[in-house]
């Protein structure tokens, strides 16, 4: 058995990537449990595994006492000193009790415990590997779909996309390639669990970082994102280099950079707008493609504003089912009320909030 064990340890370390020390520790624990199961639980035993020869030795450990009450756990001072005169009361004495047939008896008990330890170590290794991908984008393939989840093959493990993280009306047929945002990596009793999203605004941000080098290196900054997954997103960008235009660089030559992201998200429209420090200009930009005449802020709440647009631009500013206004409000973090020019009486003070 000794040579078989050594060969098994070598193969497990090479094939599974589990350190030999970890497997030996599991083996020792399994052998200790096997011995006590077959030869009595009420004893203190230690198991030693020789890494050079693969031999196993079992030792019963007894405490040196003046008077023995339990000969499974204690040895008299007289008997101890017959072994070695240096023993004193309170010392521990090891008696080898390795059964001749112990390898055969222990093998079955040890096998299950060892495999369990190997599974735990493999799961831990996978968890550590994929934990580094939390809050990043990964690419995988749809493995299968049920009523609750889309299961995505990420390589060594499956990730899951819950219902709320699935893009409405997106098709998730088997083997479809997907880029997904890793929202969380959990280490559960059943192994690592990776939660994925196709709806997170962070997915859009990470895709732009992959597609636009100037965003990845910080030349252009994504300030905010408002998203209605599968339909439309608005992205506010600004440049940290006056020689690099934020919107044009993000969109790319002939719109190719944005188009690549639109394709990845199955046609989700992308509005790239210029972030402005002045909230009036920022709100006006956020409502594009509609024109804005003026922005008036509430005296009671500075985060509330009234936006005035030309009469023929009202439906465009509001958007289909209110989407354009809704996304603009999310993007700017302002509550936006929109009115047509014909319904508003201007004063001289209003002109200060008007776009030139």
Foldseek 3Di string as FASTA:
>chain_A
DQVVVLVVLVCCCVPLVDHSVLLVVLLQVLLVVLCCVVPNVPFDKGWDADNVRSDIWIWTKEFEDCDDDDPRHHDYLVVVVVVPVPDDGGDIDIDIDDDPCSCVSRVVSSVVSSVVSSVVVSLVVVLVVCQVQAQAKAKFWFADDDPFWTWTDRDPGIATEGPVQDFPPDDRDGGDMAIWHFNDWDQDPVGIYTYTHPFDVSSVLNLLVVLQVCCVVVQKDFPFKFDDQPAEIETEMEGPDPVDHRQDSSCDDVSVSVVVVCVNSVNYYYHYFYDDPPLLVLLQRLQPPFGWFFKAADPVDRLEIETEGAPVRVCSSLDDVRVSQVNSCRGSVGHYHYDYPVVDDDDPVRNVGTDD
